[in-house]
Protein backbone atom coordinates (compact mmCIF):
# COMPACT_ATOMS: atom_id res chain seq x y z
CA MET A 1 25.30 4.47 -25.09
CA PRO A 2 24.24 5.75 -21.66
CA ALA A 3 20.62 6.76 -21.14
CA ARG A 4 19.81 10.46 -21.27
CA THR A 5 16.82 12.14 -19.66
CA VAL A 6 14.49 13.65 -22.25
CA LEU A 7 11.55 14.66 -20.05
CA GLN A 8 11.51 15.78 -16.43
CA GLN A 9 8.52 15.71 -14.07
CA ALA A 10 7.33 19.19 -15.15
CA ASP A 11 7.46 18.14 -18.82
CA ILE A 12 5.41 15.01 -18.09
CA SER A 13 2.85 17.09 -16.17
CA ARG A 14 2.52 19.52 -19.10
CA ALA A 15 2.11 16.66 -21.56
CA LEU A 16 -0.62 15.04 -19.44
CA THR A 17 -2.40 18.38 -19.02
CA ARG A 18 -2.42 18.89 -22.79
CA MET A 19 -3.62 15.34 -23.38
CA ALA A 20 -6.44 15.79 -20.84
CA HIS A 21 -7.60 18.94 -22.64
CA GLU A 22 -7.43 17.17 -26.01
CA ILE A 23 -9.44 14.20 -24.74
CA LEU A 24 -12.04 16.48 -23.20
CA GLU A 25 -12.32 18.53 -26.39
CA SER A 26 -12.43 15.46 -28.66
CA ASN A 27 -15.22 13.91 -26.58
CA ARG A 28 -17.06 17.26 -26.28
CA GLY A 29 -17.15 16.86 -22.51
CA THR A 30 -17.15 13.89 -20.18
CA ASP A 31 -20.43 12.26 -21.18
CA GLY A 32 -19.88 8.55 -21.87
CA LEU A 33 -16.10 8.83 -21.38
CA ILE A 34 -14.10 6.05 -19.70
CA LEU A 35 -10.32 5.83 -19.33
CA LEU A 36 -8.78 2.36 -19.13
CA GLY A 37 -5.09 2.15 -18.29
CA ILE A 38 -2.90 -0.72 -19.42
CA PRO A 39 -0.87 -1.97 -16.43
CA THR A 40 1.38 -0.96 -15.01
CA ARG A 41 2.15 2.67 -15.78
CA GLY A 42 -0.83 3.15 -18.07
CA VAL A 43 -3.14 2.73 -15.06
CA VAL A 44 -1.33 5.52 -13.18
CA LEU A 45 -1.43 7.76 -16.26
CA ALA A 46 -5.17 7.09 -16.79
CA ARG A 47 -5.89 8.13 -13.20
CA ARG A 48 -3.83 11.29 -13.58
CA ILE A 49 -5.51 12.26 -16.83
CA ALA A 50 -8.96 11.55 -15.32
CA HIS A 51 -8.07 13.75 -12.33
CA LEU A 52 -7.03 16.58 -14.67
CA ILE A 53 -10.22 16.23 -16.72
CA THR A 54 -12.23 16.42 -13.49
CA GLN A 55 -10.36 19.59 -12.52
CA PHE A 56 -11.07 21.21 -15.90
CA SER A 57 -14.68 20.11 -16.31
CA GLY A 58 -15.94 19.69 -12.78
CA GLU A 59 -17.20 16.22 -13.72
CA SER A 60 -15.55 12.95 -12.75
CA VAL A 61 -14.42 10.45 -15.35
CA PRO A 62 -14.59 6.71 -14.61
CA THR A 63 -11.25 4.93 -14.82
CA GLY A 64 -10.20 1.33 -14.77
CA ALA A 65 -7.45 -1.09 -15.70
CA LEU A 66 -7.31 -3.43 -18.68
CA ASP A 67 -4.83 -6.26 -18.29
CA VAL A 68 -3.68 -7.59 -21.67
CA THR A 69 -1.11 -10.14 -20.52
CA LEU A 70 -2.96 -13.25 -21.66
CA TYR A 71 -3.98 -11.63 -24.97
CA ARG A 72 -0.41 -11.00 -26.10
CA ASP A 73 0.87 -12.80 -29.20
CA ASP A 74 4.40 -13.11 -27.83
CA LEU A 75 3.78 -15.19 -24.70
CA ARG A 76 5.86 -18.07 -26.03
CA ARG A 77 8.87 -15.88 -26.80
CA ASN A 78 8.97 -13.41 -23.93
CA PRO A 79 8.69 -13.92 -20.21
CA THR A 80 5.53 -12.28 -18.98
CA ARG A 81 4.59 -10.57 -15.78
CA VAL A 82 1.90 -11.82 -13.43
CA PRO A 83 -1.50 -10.71 -14.75
CA SER A 84 -3.23 -7.85 -12.93
CA PRO A 85 -6.97 -7.79 -12.46
CA THR A 86 -8.97 -6.01 -15.12
CA GLN A 87 -11.11 -3.38 -13.45
CA VAL A 88 -14.00 -1.99 -15.46
CA PRO A 89 -16.01 0.93 -14.04
CA SER A 90 -19.55 0.08 -12.95
CA GLY A 91 -21.89 0.42 -15.88
CA GLY A 92 -19.42 -1.33 -18.19
CA ILE A 93 -18.09 -0.07 -21.50
CA ASP A 94 -20.98 -0.82 -23.86
CA GLY A 95 -21.81 2.24 -25.95
CA LYS A 96 -19.12 4.35 -24.24
CA THR A 97 -16.08 6.19 -25.53
CA VAL A 98 -13.14 4.23 -24.13
CA VAL A 99 -9.71 5.82 -24.11
CA LEU A 100 -6.97 3.23 -23.69
CA VAL A 101 -3.99 4.74 -21.89
CA ASP A 102 -0.43 3.41 -22.01
CA ASP A 103 3.02 4.78 -21.29
CA VAL A 104 4.94 3.88 -24.48
CA LEU A 105 3.66 2.94 -27.93
CA TYR A 106 6.20 0.90 -29.87
CA SER A 107 5.24 -2.02 -32.13
CA GLY A 108 1.49 -1.75 -31.51
CA ARG A 109 1.23 -5.33 -30.25
CA THR A 110 0.19 -4.34 -26.72
CA ILE A 111 -2.62 -2.23 -28.14
CA ARG A 112 -3.73 -5.06 -30.42
CA ALA A 113 -3.91 -7.25 -27.32
CA ALA A 114 -5.85 -4.50 -25.53
CA LEU A 115 -8.40 -4.37 -28.34
CA ASP A 116 -8.87 -8.14 -28.07
CA ALA A 117 -9.26 -7.92 -24.29
CA LEU A 118 -11.71 -5.03 -24.66
CA GLY A 119 -13.85 -7.08 -27.06
CA ASP A 120 -14.21 -9.76 -24.40
CA ILE A 121 -15.72 -7.36 -21.86
CA GLY A 122 -18.05 -5.31 -24.02
CA ARG A 123 -18.65 -3.22 -27.11
CA PRO A 124 -17.64 0.42 -26.79
CA ARG A 125 -19.07 3.01 -29.16
CA VAL A 126 -15.56 4.31 -29.91
CA VAL A 127 -12.05 3.35 -28.80
CA ARG A 128 -9.30 5.96 -28.69
CA LEU A 129 -5.64 5.63 -27.74
CA ALA A 130 -3.63 7.94 -25.49
CA VAL A 131 0.10 7.34 -24.98
CA LEU A 132 2.65 9.34 -23.07
CA VAL A 133 5.41 8.44 -25.54
CA ASP A 134 5.19 7.37 -29.19
CA ARG A 135 8.57 6.00 -30.19
CA GLY A 136 7.67 4.77 -33.67
CA HIS A 137 8.62 1.38 -35.22
CA ARG A 138 5.04 0.15 -35.59
CA GLU A 139 4.54 -3.45 -36.70
CA LEU A 140 0.76 -3.12 -36.84
CA PRO A 141 -1.47 -0.37 -38.30
CA ILE A 142 -2.12 1.33 -34.96
CA ARG A 143 -1.96 5.08 -34.44
CA PRO A 144 -2.48 7.02 -31.21
CA ASP A 145 -5.14 9.72 -30.98
CA PHE A 146 -3.44 11.57 -28.12
CA VAL A 147 0.35 11.72 -27.67
CA GLY A 148 2.32 13.31 -24.89
CA LYS A 149 5.65 13.26 -26.76
CA ASN A 150 6.93 11.77 -30.00
CA LEU A 151 10.40 10.36 -29.32
CA PRO A 152 11.98 8.94 -32.46
CA SER A 153 14.39 6.22 -31.44
CA SER A 154 16.37 3.38 -32.87
CA GLN A 155 15.11 -0.12 -32.23
CA GLU A 156 18.21 -0.77 -30.11
CA GLU A 157 17.41 2.09 -27.75
CA ARG A 158 15.20 1.73 -24.71
CA ILE A 159 12.60 4.25 -23.57
CA ASN A 160 12.38 4.23 -19.78
CA VAL A 161 9.33 5.84 -18.16
CA ARG A 162 9.59 6.37 -14.41
CA LEU A 163 6.56 7.61 -12.46
CA THR A 164 6.63 8.77 -8.86
CA ASP A 165 3.57 6.66 -7.91
CA ILE A 166 5.41 3.44 -8.85
CA ASP A 167 9.12 4.24 -9.02
CA GLY A 168 9.56 7.03 -6.47
CA GLU A 169 10.99 9.34 -9.15
CA GLU A 170 9.63 10.85 -12.34
CA PHE A 171 11.36 11.23 -15.70
CA ILE A 172 11.61 9.69 -19.16
CA SER A 173 14.98 8.64 -20.53
CA ILE A 174 16.18 7.21 -23.81
CA GLY A 175 19.27 5.19 -24.52
CA GLY A 176 20.92 1.99 -23.52
CA THR A 177 19.78 -1.19 -25.18
CA SER A 178 16.36 -2.84 -25.24
């Protein structure tokens, strides 16, 4: 089955704007808030959400990147990408509200790895999860707090997120095979 576009750039922008408002409201402002993106596209999304929150509140939100590559439980089965550096905002994460940001939530295994990686760098007060797309099919009891779009899919389908900052074009498509 050929892939079909389900979200265009304007749809993605609206979803991120809504998510930024929800994060800001949930945290009751920006105090103690940190956004950590999971490479690769989660880092871009975290920066965009932080920029939106800054626009709405007038206060900047620290962002960083949390590489989970070496914390994954499927390293033996799947080829992995080269690890990216984890970048934690100055001041660390201890006692802070950390929002993990990723592009697609599927089995929950990436987020489990992120929680393990997070535990190695500090102890946040609260950890929340923001994802652009929740496609279902969880294998672990992980649920996002902030979702851009729920896209029910079959396990054979692939969700493809393209972001201008990385890919030179911006859309989300579904279809094809994983």
